[in-house]
N, C-alpha and C. Protein backbone atom coordinates (compact mmCIF):
# COMPACT_ATOMS: atom_id res chain seq x y z
N MET A 1 -1.81 0.49 25.40
CA MET A 1 -1.66 1.01 23.84
C MET A 1 -3.07 1.32 23.72
N ASN A 2 -3.24 2.64 22.83
CA ASN A 2 -4.31 3.16 22.37
C ASN A 2 -5.00 1.98 21.22
N ARG A 3 -6.43 1.72 21.22
CA ARG A 3 -7.03 1.09 19.97
C ARG A 3 -6.50 1.73 18.77
N LYS A 4 -6.25 1.25 17.73
CA LYS A 4 -6.15 2.18 16.23
C LYS A 4 -7.34 1.98 15.36
N LYS A 5 -7.37 2.95 14.42
CA LYS A 5 -8.26 3.26 13.43
C LYS A 5 -7.45 3.34 12.29
N ILE A 6 -7.05 2.52 11.12
CA ILE A 6 -6.38 2.79 10.37
C ILE A 6 -6.89 3.15 8.82
N TYR A 7 -6.90 3.85 8.35
CA TYR A 7 -7.21 4.48 7.02
C TYR A 7 -5.94 4.10 5.92
N LEU A 8 -5.95 3.03 5.25
CA LEU A 8 -5.00 2.54 4.67
C LEU A 8 -5.47 2.66 3.29
N VAL A 9 -4.67 3.65 2.62
CA VAL A 9 -4.71 3.85 0.90
C VAL A 9 -3.51 3.23 0.33
N ARG A 10 -3.85 3.23 -1.20
CA ARG A 10 -2.81 2.98 -2.04
C ARG A 10 -2.55 4.44 -2.91
N HIS A 11 -1.23 4.60 -3.24
CA HIS A 11 -0.95 5.83 -3.90
C HIS A 11 -1.81 5.99 -5.26
N GLY A 12 -1.85 7.40 -5.62
CA GLY A 12 -2.56 7.79 -6.72
C GLY A 12 -1.78 6.97 -8.08
N GLN A 13 -2.42 7.33 -9.33
CA GLN A 13 -1.99 6.51 -10.44
C GLN A 13 -0.56 7.39 -10.71
N THR A 14 0.38 6.78 -11.40
CA THR A 14 1.61 7.18 -11.98
C THR A 14 1.75 6.69 -13.58
N ASP A 15 2.49 7.43 -14.17
CA ASP A 15 2.50 7.02 -15.44
C ASP A 15 3.05 5.64 -15.80
N PHE A 16 3.93 5.02 -14.89
CA PHE A 16 4.17 3.73 -14.91
C PHE A 16 3.08 2.90 -14.70
N ASN A 17 1.98 3.32 -13.71
CA ASN A 17 0.52 2.52 -13.78
C ASN A 17 -0.06 2.29 -14.80
N LEU A 18 -0.39 3.54 -15.68
CA LEU A 18 -0.81 4.04 -16.82
C LEU A 18 -0.48 3.36 -17.94
N LYS A 19 0.86 3.12 -18.20
CA LYS A 19 1.49 2.24 -19.20
C LYS A 19 1.63 0.77 -19.03
N GLY A 20 1.39 0.53 -17.75
CA GLY A 20 1.90 -1.09 -17.33
C GLY A 20 3.21 -1.26 -17.40
N VAL A 21 4.04 -0.41 -16.87
CA VAL A 21 5.22 -0.55 -16.81
C VAL A 21 5.77 -1.16 -15.67
N VAL A 22 6.67 -2.08 -15.17
CA VAL A 22 6.65 -2.67 -13.71
C VAL A 22 7.36 -1.46 -12.80
N GLN A 23 6.58 -1.37 -11.93
CA GLN A 23 7.01 -0.07 -10.75
C GLN A 23 7.25 -0.64 -9.37
N GLY A 24 8.27 -0.75 -8.96
CA GLY A 24 8.63 -1.37 -7.33
C GLY A 24 9.11 -0.30 -6.45
N SER A 25 9.99 -0.96 -5.61
CA SER A 25 10.88 0.13 -4.56
C SER A 25 11.77 0.84 -5.25
N GLY A 26 12.21 0.33 -6.41
CA GLY A 26 13.51 1.08 -7.19
C GLY A 26 12.89 2.22 -8.11
N ILE A 27 11.98 2.19 -8.21
CA ILE A 27 11.26 3.25 -9.34
C ILE A 27 10.35 4.29 -8.31
N ASP A 28 10.97 5.46 -8.00
CA ASP A 28 10.56 6.78 -7.46
C ASP A 28 9.76 7.72 -8.29
N ALA A 29 8.82 6.76 -8.80
CA ALA A 29 8.00 7.75 -9.90
C ALA A 29 7.09 8.72 -9.16
N PRO A 30 6.54 9.81 -9.73
CA PRO A 30 5.41 11.06 -9.27
C PRO A 30 4.25 10.28 -9.53
N ILE A 31 3.47 10.75 -8.77
CA ILE A 31 1.65 10.64 -9.52
C ILE A 31 1.79 11.63 -10.81
N ASN A 32 0.71 11.10 -11.46
CA ASN A 32 0.55 12.05 -12.76
C ASN A 32 -0.83 12.91 -12.60
N GLN A 33 -1.40 13.57 -13.53
CA GLN A 33 -2.56 14.30 -13.48
C GLN A 33 -3.77 13.21 -13.05
N THR A 34 -3.83 12.17 -13.49
CA THR A 34 -5.01 11.58 -12.71
C THR A 34 -4.67 11.27 -11.39
N GLY A 35 -3.56 10.82 -10.91
CA GLY A 35 -3.10 10.70 -9.76
C GLY A 35 -3.50 11.70 -8.60
N ARG A 36 -3.32 12.88 -9.28
CA ARG A 36 -3.56 14.17 -8.45
C ARG A 36 -4.92 14.55 -8.29
N ALA A 37 -5.70 14.21 -9.22
CA ALA A 37 -7.25 14.23 -9.19
C ALA A 37 -7.74 13.22 -8.08
N GLN A 38 -7.39 12.08 -8.17
CA GLN A 38 -7.54 10.96 -7.42
C GLN A 38 -6.93 11.41 -5.75
N ALA A 39 -5.97 12.06 -5.81
CA ALA A 39 -5.59 12.29 -4.38
C ALA A 39 -6.58 13.54 -3.89
N GLN A 40 -6.98 14.71 -4.59
CA GLN A 40 -7.94 15.50 -4.36
C GLN A 40 -9.32 14.79 -3.89
N ALA A 41 -9.60 14.04 -4.64
CA ALA A 41 -11.05 13.32 -4.63
C ALA A 41 -11.03 12.70 -3.11
N PHE A 42 -10.18 12.04 -2.64
CA PHE A 42 -9.98 11.31 -1.54
C PHE A 42 -10.00 12.61 -0.43
N PHE A 43 -9.12 13.69 -0.62
CA PHE A 43 -9.00 14.35 0.54
C PHE A 43 -10.34 15.23 0.74
N ASP A 44 -11.17 15.42 -0.54
CA ASP A 44 -12.52 16.15 -0.30
C ASP A 44 -13.40 15.07 0.48
N ALA A 45 -13.30 13.89 0.33
CA ALA A 45 -14.09 12.75 0.73
C ALA A 45 -13.87 12.61 2.37
N TYR A 46 -12.62 12.69 2.56
CA TYR A 46 -12.49 12.49 3.85
C TYR A 46 -11.56 13.64 4.56
N GLN A 47 -11.60 14.66 4.52
CA GLN A 47 -10.90 15.88 5.07
C GLN A 47 -11.46 16.16 6.62
N GLN A 48 -12.95 15.64 6.70
CA GLN A 48 -13.28 15.85 7.83
C GLN A 48 -12.90 14.98 9.20
N VAL A 49 -12.07 13.87 8.53
CA VAL A 49 -11.53 13.06 9.75
C VAL A 49 -10.20 13.55 10.27
N HIS A 50 -10.04 13.54 11.50
CA HIS A 50 -9.09 14.08 12.30
C HIS A 50 -8.04 12.88 12.55
N PHE A 51 -7.04 13.19 11.73
CA PHE A 51 -5.86 12.13 11.80
C PHE A 51 -4.77 12.58 12.94
N ASP A 52 -4.42 11.61 13.67
CA ASP A 52 -3.60 11.90 14.81
C ASP A 52 -2.13 11.67 14.23
N GLN A 53 -2.02 11.02 13.33
CA GLN A 53 -0.72 10.67 13.07
C GLN A 53 -0.89 10.11 11.39
N ILE A 54 0.28 10.45 10.50
CA ILE A 54 0.26 10.00 9.15
C ILE A 54 1.47 9.47 9.05
N TYR A 55 1.39 8.32 8.03
CA TYR A 55 2.64 7.56 7.58
C TYR A 55 2.40 7.28 5.88
N HIS A 56 3.69 7.45 5.69
CA HIS A 56 3.57 7.32 4.29
C HIS A 56 5.25 6.58 3.86
N THR A 57 5.45 5.80 2.75
CA THR A 57 6.89 5.20 2.45
C THR A 57 7.75 6.08 1.99
N ALA A 58 9.06 5.81 1.67
CA ALA A 58 9.95 6.41 1.25
C ALA A 58 9.92 6.75 0.07
N LEU A 59 8.92 6.53 -0.65
CA LEU A 59 8.76 6.91 -2.25
C LEU A 59 7.66 8.16 -2.33
N ILE A 60 8.25 8.96 -3.17
CA ILE A 60 7.28 10.19 -3.45
C ILE A 60 6.14 9.73 -3.92
N ARG A 61 5.66 8.93 -4.49
CA ARG A 61 4.01 8.77 -5.03
C ARG A 61 3.30 8.62 -3.56
N THR A 62 3.66 7.97 -2.60
CA THR A 62 2.75 8.09 -1.16
C THR A 62 2.50 9.31 -0.96
N LYS A 63 3.75 10.13 -0.64
CA LYS A 63 3.64 11.30 0.29
C LYS A 63 2.87 12.42 -0.75
N GLN A 64 3.13 12.15 -1.98
CA GLN A 64 2.19 13.06 -2.78
C GLN A 64 0.55 12.82 -2.96
N SER A 65 0.33 11.54 -2.57
CA SER A 65 -1.09 11.15 -2.77
C SER A 65 -1.83 11.43 -1.34
N ILE A 66 -1.36 11.84 -0.17
CA ILE A 66 -1.70 12.46 0.88
C ILE A 66 -1.13 13.79 1.31
N ALA A 67 -0.86 14.38 0.07
CA ALA A 67 -0.02 15.95 0.37
C ALA A 67 -0.90 16.87 1.23
N GLU A 68 -2.14 16.77 0.82
CA GLU A 68 -3.28 18.19 1.43
C GLU A 68 -3.46 17.69 2.89
N PHE A 69 -3.57 16.20 3.48
CA PHE A 69 -3.57 16.01 4.90
C PHE A 69 -2.30 16.33 5.18
N ILE A 70 -1.25 15.94 4.83
CA ILE A 70 0.29 16.51 5.61
C ILE A 70 0.21 18.15 5.66
N SER A 71 -0.44 18.86 4.66
CA SER A 71 -0.07 20.02 4.86
C SER A 71 -1.05 20.97 6.04
N ARG A 72 -1.86 19.96 6.55
CA ARG A 72 -2.41 20.74 7.51
C ARG A 72 -2.02 20.56 8.80
N GLY A 73 -0.79 20.13 8.85
CA GLY A 73 0.11 19.90 9.92
C GLY A 73 0.23 18.85 11.07
N THR A 74 -0.70 17.63 10.59
CA THR A 74 -0.50 16.50 11.16
C THR A 74 0.60 16.01 11.31
N PRO A 75 1.11 15.66 12.50
CA PRO A 75 2.57 14.58 12.65
C PRO A 75 2.55 13.77 11.62
N THR A 76 3.52 13.75 10.87
CA THR A 76 3.82 12.64 9.73
C THR A 76 5.20 12.39 9.76
N ALA A 77 5.37 10.83 9.49
CA ALA A 77 6.51 10.01 9.28
C ALA A 77 6.59 9.28 8.18
N ALA A 78 7.89 8.98 7.52
CA ALA A 78 8.18 8.34 6.44
C ALA A 78 8.50 6.93 7.03
N LEU A 79 7.71 5.76 6.48
CA LEU A 79 8.36 4.46 7.22
C LEU A 79 8.67 3.62 5.61
N PRO A 80 10.26 3.54 5.66
CA PRO A 80 10.80 2.91 4.59
C PRO A 80 10.28 1.34 4.43
N GLU A 81 9.87 0.78 5.73
CA GLU A 81 9.84 -0.30 5.99
C GLU A 81 8.49 -0.77 5.40
N LEU A 82 7.53 0.17 4.80
CA LEU A 82 6.43 -0.01 4.14
C LEU A 82 6.50 0.12 2.49
N ASN A 83 7.61 0.33 2.06
CA ASN A 83 7.79 0.35 0.78
C ASN A 83 7.57 -0.72 -0.12
N GLU A 84 6.97 -0.56 -1.40
CA GLU A 84 6.78 -1.67 -2.34
C GLU A 84 7.73 -2.64 -2.43
N ILE A 85 7.29 -3.84 -2.79
CA ILE A 85 8.49 -5.04 -3.04
C ILE A 85 9.07 -4.39 -4.29
N SER A 86 10.47 -5.07 -4.03
CA SER A 86 11.43 -4.89 -5.01
C SER A 86 11.02 -5.74 -6.12
N TRP A 87 10.82 -5.44 -7.38
CA TRP A 87 10.75 -6.39 -8.56
C TRP A 87 12.02 -6.51 -9.30
N GLY A 88 13.11 -6.05 -8.66
CA GLY A 88 14.56 -6.45 -9.24
C GLY A 88 14.93 -6.12 -10.76
N ASP A 89 15.26 -6.95 -11.61
CA ASP A 89 15.66 -6.81 -12.88
C ASP A 89 14.72 -6.09 -13.68
N TYR A 90 13.52 -6.34 -13.47
CA TYR A 90 12.00 -6.08 -13.98
C TYR A 90 11.36 -4.73 -13.79
N GLU A 91 12.30 -4.12 -12.87
CA GLU A 91 11.73 -2.56 -12.93
C GLU A 91 11.73 -1.57 -13.69
N GLY A 92 11.17 -1.26 -14.49
CA GLY A 92 10.82 0.19 -15.01
C GLY A 92 10.94 -0.47 -16.58
N THR A 93 10.46 -1.94 -16.85
CA THR A 93 10.17 -2.53 -18.23
C THR A 93 8.85 -2.78 -18.23
N PRO A 94 8.15 -2.48 -19.63
CA PRO A 94 6.80 -2.97 -19.89
C PRO A 94 6.64 -4.37 -19.61
N MET A 95 5.10 -4.37 -19.41
CA MET A 95 4.71 -5.84 -18.80
C MET A 95 4.32 -6.42 -20.40
N THR A 96 5.26 -7.08 -21.11
CA THR A 96 5.11 -7.64 -22.32
C THR A 96 4.51 -9.14 -22.00
N PRO A 97 3.78 -9.87 -23.11
CA PRO A 97 3.22 -10.93 -22.83
C PRO A 97 4.21 -11.91 -22.33
N GLU A 98 5.54 -11.91 -22.40
CA GLU A 98 6.43 -13.11 -21.98
C GLU A 98 6.83 -12.18 -20.52
N GLU A 99 6.62 -11.28 -20.12
CA GLU A 99 6.83 -10.84 -18.77
C GLU A 99 5.44 -11.05 -18.00
N ASN A 100 4.16 -11.07 -18.36
CA ASN A 100 3.03 -11.33 -17.91
C ASN A 100 3.00 -12.81 -17.59
N GLU A 101 3.84 -13.93 -18.48
CA GLU A 101 3.84 -15.23 -18.20
C GLU A 101 4.86 -15.46 -16.93
N TYR A 102 5.78 -14.78 -17.02
CA TYR A 102 6.96 -15.01 -15.93
C TYR A 102 6.10 -14.15 -14.61
N TYR A 103 5.28 -13.29 -14.72
CA TYR A 103 4.64 -12.85 -13.39
C TYR A 103 3.75 -14.01 -12.96
N LYS A 104 2.94 -14.45 -13.79
CA LYS A 104 1.88 -15.49 -13.37
C LYS A 104 2.57 -16.65 -12.97
N HIS A 105 3.69 -17.13 -13.34
CA HIS A 105 4.59 -18.24 -12.66
C HIS A 105 4.98 -17.79 -11.37
N MET A 106 5.31 -16.72 -11.02
CA MET A 106 5.76 -16.25 -9.76
C MET A 106 5.02 -16.07 -8.76
N LEU A 107 3.50 -15.60 -9.26
CA LEU A 107 2.29 -15.88 -8.36
C LEU A 107 1.86 -17.12 -8.24
N HIS A 108 2.00 -17.92 -8.88
CA HIS A 108 1.67 -19.32 -8.95
C HIS A 108 2.76 -19.98 -7.77
N GLN A 109 4.04 -19.68 -7.72
CA GLN A 109 4.92 -20.34 -6.87
C GLN A 109 4.61 -19.68 -5.44
N TRP A 110 3.95 -18.44 -5.34
CA TRP A 110 3.86 -17.89 -3.88
C TRP A 110 2.48 -18.76 -3.61
N GLN A 111 1.64 -18.74 -4.49
CA GLN A 111 0.09 -19.35 -4.08
C GLN A 111 0.44 -20.94 -3.56
N GLU A 112 1.42 -21.47 -3.72
CA GLU A 112 1.83 -23.01 -3.63
C GLU A 112 2.79 -22.96 -2.08
N GLY A 113 2.94 -21.84 -1.86
CA GLY A 113 3.56 -21.65 -0.67
C GLY A 113 5.14 -21.27 -0.68
N ASN A 114 5.47 -21.55 -1.87
CA ASN A 114 6.70 -20.99 -2.07
C ASN A 114 7.30 -19.59 -1.94
N LEU A 115 7.18 -19.07 -0.71
CA LEU A 115 7.34 -17.69 -0.42
C LEU A 115 8.56 -17.11 -0.18
N ASP A 116 9.94 -18.00 -0.54
CA ASP A 116 11.02 -17.60 -0.89
C ASP A 116 11.64 -17.25 -2.19
N TYR A 117 10.53 -17.38 -3.16
CA TYR A 117 10.47 -17.32 -4.59
C TYR A 117 10.62 -15.83 -4.74
N ALA A 118 11.71 -15.46 -5.76
CA ALA A 118 11.53 -13.95 -5.79
C ALA A 118 11.85 -13.84 -7.48
N ILE A 119 11.39 -12.45 -8.34
CA ILE A 119 11.86 -12.48 -9.58
C ILE A 119 13.55 -12.00 -9.23
N ALA A 120 14.16 -12.01 -10.41
CA ALA A 120 15.49 -12.12 -10.38
C ALA A 120 15.98 -10.79 -10.09
N GLY A 121 16.78 -10.64 -8.84
CA GLY A 121 17.12 -9.56 -8.16
C GLY A 121 16.38 -8.92 -7.39
N GLY A 122 15.09 -9.65 -7.24
CA GLY A 122 14.05 -8.70 -6.52
C GLY A 122 13.86 -9.36 -5.00
N GLU A 123 12.88 -8.78 -4.27
CA GLU A 123 12.55 -9.41 -2.93
C GLU A 123 11.38 -10.50 -3.17
N ASN A 124 11.53 -11.42 -2.21
CA ASN A 124 10.30 -12.46 -2.03
C ASN A 124 9.21 -11.77 -0.79
N PRO A 125 8.42 -12.62 -0.73
CA PRO A 125 7.31 -12.13 -0.01
C PRO A 125 7.80 -12.38 1.63
N ASN A 126 8.41 -13.30 1.78
CA ASN A 126 8.99 -13.59 3.27
C ASN A 126 10.02 -12.32 3.81
N GLN A 127 10.88 -11.69 3.05
CA GLN A 127 11.39 -10.68 3.30
C GLN A 127 10.58 -9.36 3.19
N VAL A 128 9.63 -8.96 2.36
CA VAL A 128 9.02 -7.74 2.41
C VAL A 128 8.08 -7.88 3.74
N ALA A 129 7.59 -8.99 4.06
CA ALA A 129 6.90 -9.20 5.33
C ALA A 129 7.56 -9.14 6.52
N ASP A 130 8.85 -9.56 6.68
CA ASP A 130 9.82 -9.15 7.74
C ASP A 130 9.75 -7.48 7.87
N ARG A 131 10.08 -6.96 7.01
CA ARG A 131 10.37 -5.40 7.22
C ARG A 131 9.05 -4.76 7.19
N ILE A 132 8.08 -5.14 6.76
CA ILE A 132 6.48 -4.46 6.99
C ILE A 132 6.18 -4.69 8.32
N SER A 133 6.44 -6.21 8.83
CA SER A 133 6.20 -6.58 10.36
C SER A 133 6.68 -4.97 11.14
N ARG A 134 8.05 -4.86 11.01
CA ARG A 134 8.66 -3.65 11.60
C ARG A 134 8.01 -2.44 11.41
N GLY A 135 7.37 -2.06 10.31
CA GLY A 135 6.64 -1.00 10.10
C GLY A 135 5.12 -0.82 10.96
N ILE A 136 4.57 -2.23 11.03
CA ILE A 136 3.50 -2.08 11.76
C ILE A 136 3.51 -2.09 13.11
N GLU A 137 4.43 -3.00 13.72
CA GLU A 137 4.80 -2.52 14.95
C GLU A 137 4.97 -1.05 15.40
N LYS A 138 5.79 -0.37 14.30
CA LYS A 138 6.05 0.99 14.90
C LYS A 138 4.73 2.12 14.72
N ILE A 139 3.93 1.48 13.74
CA ILE A 139 2.60 2.17 13.86
C ILE A 139 1.57 1.65 15.18
N LEU A 140 1.61 0.59 15.46
CA LEU A 140 0.80 0.28 16.62
C LEU A 140 1.30 0.65 17.74
N LYS A 141 2.63 0.85 17.91
CA LYS A 141 3.33 1.36 19.31
C LYS A 141 3.23 2.88 19.27
N GLY A 142 3.04 3.58 18.02
CA GLY A 142 3.17 5.04 17.92
C GLY A 142 2.04 5.51 18.42
N PRO A 143 2.14 7.11 18.32
CA PRO A 143 1.15 7.88 18.74
C PRO A 143 -0.34 7.71 18.07
N GLY A 144 -1.36 8.43 18.61
CA GLY A 144 -2.39 8.45 18.05
C GLY A 144 -3.49 7.45 17.95
N GLU A 145 -4.68 7.76 17.65
CA GLU A 145 -5.62 6.42 17.34
C GLU A 145 -6.34 6.18 16.26
N THR A 146 -6.24 7.64 15.52
CA THR A 146 -6.96 7.52 14.10
C THR A 146 -5.65 7.83 13.19
N ILE A 147 -5.09 6.76 12.34
CA ILE A 147 -3.94 6.82 11.56
C ILE A 147 -4.49 6.62 10.28
N LEU A 148 -3.43 7.51 9.32
CA LEU A 148 -3.41 7.34 7.73
C LEU A 148 -2.14 7.03 7.34
N VAL A 149 -2.47 5.82 6.51
CA VAL A 149 -1.35 5.16 5.84
C VAL A 149 -1.40 5.31 4.64
N CYS A 150 -0.43 5.54 3.85
CA CYS A 150 -0.24 5.49 2.34
C CYS A 150 0.65 4.57 1.96
N MET A 151 0.56 3.64 1.17
CA MET A 151 1.65 2.60 0.62
C MET A 151 1.33 1.96 -0.74
N HIS A 152 1.75 1.15 -1.03
CA HIS A 152 1.57 0.31 -2.39
C HIS A 152 0.96 -0.87 -2.50
N GLY A 153 0.66 -1.44 -4.07
CA GLY A 153 -0.34 -2.58 -4.02
C GLY A 153 0.32 -3.77 -3.31
N ARG A 154 1.42 -4.20 -3.85
CA ARG A 154 1.74 -5.70 -3.33
C ARG A 154 2.16 -5.36 -1.79
N ALA A 155 2.67 -4.53 -1.39
CA ALA A 155 3.02 -4.28 -0.11
C ALA A 155 1.72 -4.22 0.70
N MET A 156 0.77 -3.58 0.09
CA MET A 156 -0.66 -3.48 0.89
C MET A 156 -1.29 -4.90 1.22
N ARG A 157 -1.18 -5.70 0.26
CA ARG A 157 -1.61 -6.95 0.27
C ARG A 157 -0.74 -7.83 1.53
N ILE A 158 0.41 -7.79 1.52
CA ILE A 158 1.32 -8.06 2.43
C ILE A 158 1.00 -7.51 3.95
N PHE A 159 0.97 -6.17 3.98
CA PHE A 159 0.53 -5.63 5.25
C PHE A 159 -0.98 -6.12 5.87
N LEU A 160 -1.76 -6.20 5.05
CA LEU A 160 -2.97 -6.48 5.24
C LEU A 160 -3.23 -8.28 5.79
N SER A 161 -2.38 -9.02 5.18
CA SER A 161 -2.08 -10.31 5.41
C SER A 161 -1.67 -10.37 6.75
N LEU A 162 -0.65 -9.49 7.05
CA LEU A 162 0.20 -9.66 8.32
C LEU A 162 -0.91 -9.09 9.44
N ILE A 163 -1.66 -8.21 9.29
CA ILE A 163 -2.65 -7.46 10.12
C ILE A 163 -3.63 -8.41 10.59
N PHE A 164 -4.08 -9.11 9.66
CA PHE A 164 -5.39 -10.14 9.93
C PHE A 164 -4.76 -11.56 9.98
N ASN A 165 -3.24 -11.66 10.04
CA ASN A 165 -2.61 -13.09 10.18
C ASN A 165 -3.42 -13.92 9.52
N TYR A 166 -3.40 -13.52 8.29
CA TYR A 166 -3.53 -14.59 7.03
C TYR A 166 -2.13 -14.91 6.44
N ASP A 167 -2.40 -16.28 6.20
CA ASP A 167 -1.34 -17.04 5.22
C ASP A 167 -1.11 -16.20 4.04
N LEU A 168 0.45 -15.95 3.89
CA LEU A 168 0.69 -14.98 2.72
C LEU A 168 0.16 -15.60 1.31
N ARG A 169 0.07 -17.16 1.40
CA ARG A 169 -0.38 -17.78 0.01
C ARG A 169 -1.65 -17.09 -0.38
N TYR A 170 -2.18 -16.47 0.58
CA TYR A 170 -3.97 -15.92 -0.06
C TYR A 170 -3.98 -14.53 -0.10
N MET A 171 -2.57 -13.97 -0.12
CA MET A 171 -2.41 -12.23 -0.26
C MET A 171 -3.28 -11.72 -1.29
N ASP A 172 -3.20 -12.58 -2.29
CA ASP A 172 -4.16 -11.61 -3.51
C ASP A 172 -5.48 -11.62 -3.51
N GLN A 173 -6.28 -11.98 -2.34
CA GLN A 173 -7.55 -11.82 -2.00
C GLN A 173 -7.82 -10.35 -1.76
N PHE A 174 -6.42 -9.36 -1.29
CA PHE A 174 -6.78 -8.35 -1.19
C PHE A 174 -6.61 -7.40 -2.31
N GLU A 175 -7.58 -7.20 -3.10
CA GLU A 175 -7.36 -6.32 -4.33
C GLU A 175 -7.41 -4.90 -4.14
N HIS A 176 -6.78 -4.01 -4.95
CA HIS A 176 -6.30 -2.78 -5.07
C HIS A 176 -6.49 -2.01 -6.31
N LYS A 177 -6.87 -0.92 -6.17
CA LYS A 177 -6.82 0.25 -7.01
C LYS A 177 -6.22 1.09 -6.82
N ASN A 178 -5.80 2.19 -7.58
CA ASN A 178 -4.91 3.38 -7.37
C ASN A 178 -6.11 4.42 -6.37
N LEU A 179 -5.42 4.68 -5.29
CA LEU A 179 -6.13 5.64 -4.17
C LEU A 179 -7.32 4.87 -3.81
N CYS A 180 -7.41 3.64 -3.67
CA CYS A 180 -8.37 2.78 -2.71
C CYS A 180 -8.13 2.81 -1.48
N LEU A 181 -9.34 2.77 -0.38
CA LEU A 181 -9.17 2.83 0.90
C LEU A 181 -9.23 1.56 1.53
N TYR A 182 -8.79 1.05 2.31
CA TYR A 182 -8.91 -0.05 3.40
C TYR A 182 -9.12 0.67 4.53
N LEU A 183 -10.26 0.23 5.48
CA LEU A 183 -10.51 0.90 6.67
C LEU A 183 -10.58 -0.15 7.76
N LEU A 184 -9.30 -0.20 8.73
CA LEU A 184 -9.20 -1.29 9.68
C LEU A 184 -9.68 -0.65 11.04
N GLU A 185 -10.32 -1.45 11.81
CA GLU A 185 -10.47 -0.90 13.35
C GLU A 185 -10.06 -2.23 14.43
N GLN A 186 -9.05 -1.46 15.23
CA GLN A 186 -8.53 -2.62 16.11
C GLN A 186 -9.69 -3.03 17.44
N LEU A 187 -9.78 -4.01 17.58
CA LEU A 187 -10.78 -4.42 18.66
C LEU A 187 -9.85 -4.67 20.07
N PRO A 188 -10.94 -4.54 21.21
CA PRO A 188 -10.15 -4.38 22.54
C PRO A 188 -9.27 -5.93 22.57
N ASN A 189 -9.45 -6.91 21.81
CA ASN A 189 -8.47 -7.99 22.25
C ASN A 189 -7.07 -7.58 21.38
N GLY A 190 -7.09 -6.60 20.45
CA GLY A 190 -6.10 -6.38 19.92
C GLY A 190 -5.90 -6.83 18.28
N THR A 191 -6.93 -7.51 17.81
CA THR A 191 -7.15 -7.93 16.43
C THR A 191 -7.80 -6.89 15.71
N PHE A 192 -7.97 -6.97 14.59
CA PHE A 192 -8.35 -5.90 13.62
C PHE A 192 -9.65 -6.53 12.54
N THR A 193 -10.46 -5.58 12.56
CA THR A 193 -11.79 -5.87 11.73
C THR A 193 -11.88 -4.92 10.69
N LEU A 194 -12.25 -5.55 9.70
CA LEU A 194 -12.12 -4.80 8.20
C LEU A 194 -13.42 -4.06 8.22
N LYS A 195 -13.61 -2.58 8.08
CA LYS A 195 -14.85 -2.16 7.77
C LYS A 195 -15.01 -1.67 6.35
N LYS A 196 -14.02 -1.21 5.65
CA LYS A 196 -14.08 -1.15 3.92
C LYS A 196 -12.84 -1.76 3.43
N GLY A 197 -13.12 -2.17 2.27
CA GLY A 197 -12.01 -3.04 1.32
C GLY A 197 -11.85 -2.43 0.19
N ASN A 198 -10.89 -2.10 -0.52
CA ASN A 198 -10.65 -1.65 -1.75
C ASN A 198 -11.73 -0.54 -2.16
N ASP A 199 -12.07 0.19 -1.21
CA ASP A 199 -13.19 1.16 -1.42
C ASP A 199 -12.67 2.44 -2.30
N ILE A 200 -13.75 2.49 -3.36
CA ILE A 200 -13.48 3.62 -4.24
C ILE A 200 -14.53 4.33 -4.37
N ASP A 201 -15.47 4.76 -3.65
CA ASP A 201 -16.40 5.65 -3.60
C ASP A 201 -16.36 6.99 -3.84
N HIS A 202 -15.12 7.18 -3.35
CA HIS A 202 -14.77 8.77 -3.24
C HIS A 202 -14.27 8.99 -4.73
N LEU A 203 -14.08 8.22 -5.71
CA LEU A 203 -13.41 8.42 -6.93
C LEU A 203 -14.50 8.16 -8.03
N LYS A 204 -15.90 8.15 -7.37
CA LYS A 204 -16.86 7.95 -8.33
C LYS A 204 -17.17 8.87 -9.65
N ASP A 205 -16.76 10.17 -8.98
CA ASP A 205 -17.19 11.33 -9.94
C ASP A 205 -15.72 11.63 -10.94
N LEU A 206 -15.13 11.03 -10.84
CA LEU A 206 -13.71 10.83 -11.99
C LEU A 206 -13.83 9.90 -12.77
N GLU A 207 -14.77 8.95 -12.79
CA GLU A 207 -15.25 8.15 -13.85
C GLU A 207 -15.55 8.60 -15.12
């Protein structure tokens, strides 16, 4: 098996992000003007990297965020296994103070180890981890050594927890911003080391 170097990025900003509206796997929102600028800035900073394989989720915002890399003809595949968590009945709703309290209650449940707890109609972390594990397996067994992966905030936290074999209770340590970069390098023993985390240096000219 080839040792992998994974450039893992979150998608660029959408209007749902901008307005504080709950956006999960059931919301297929495109990136907005800021998101497109973030995507361009990331491409400008990393266009010299030769990616052997690209993966995005089944949601349009991830594909759009790395579109310039895809346009160069790099082999690309959609991995629905990496889709964002489903927030169920709360998708598409503004984050009101009441909703925020419910969200904090949910996070507390997860941090206490109740990883089967889900928002009404949505997925729980164990369910998301099961499918993301399948996505990781496809990436690790797939072609190439230098890999670009674009996905979503909560899903990234679970992805990184699985890659580093961390307890899902502590997934919130993996902070993220729109179009941030996590750079992961696989060691000879198969484990991964973190080279960059939530890195946004490539976005500094947009501030």
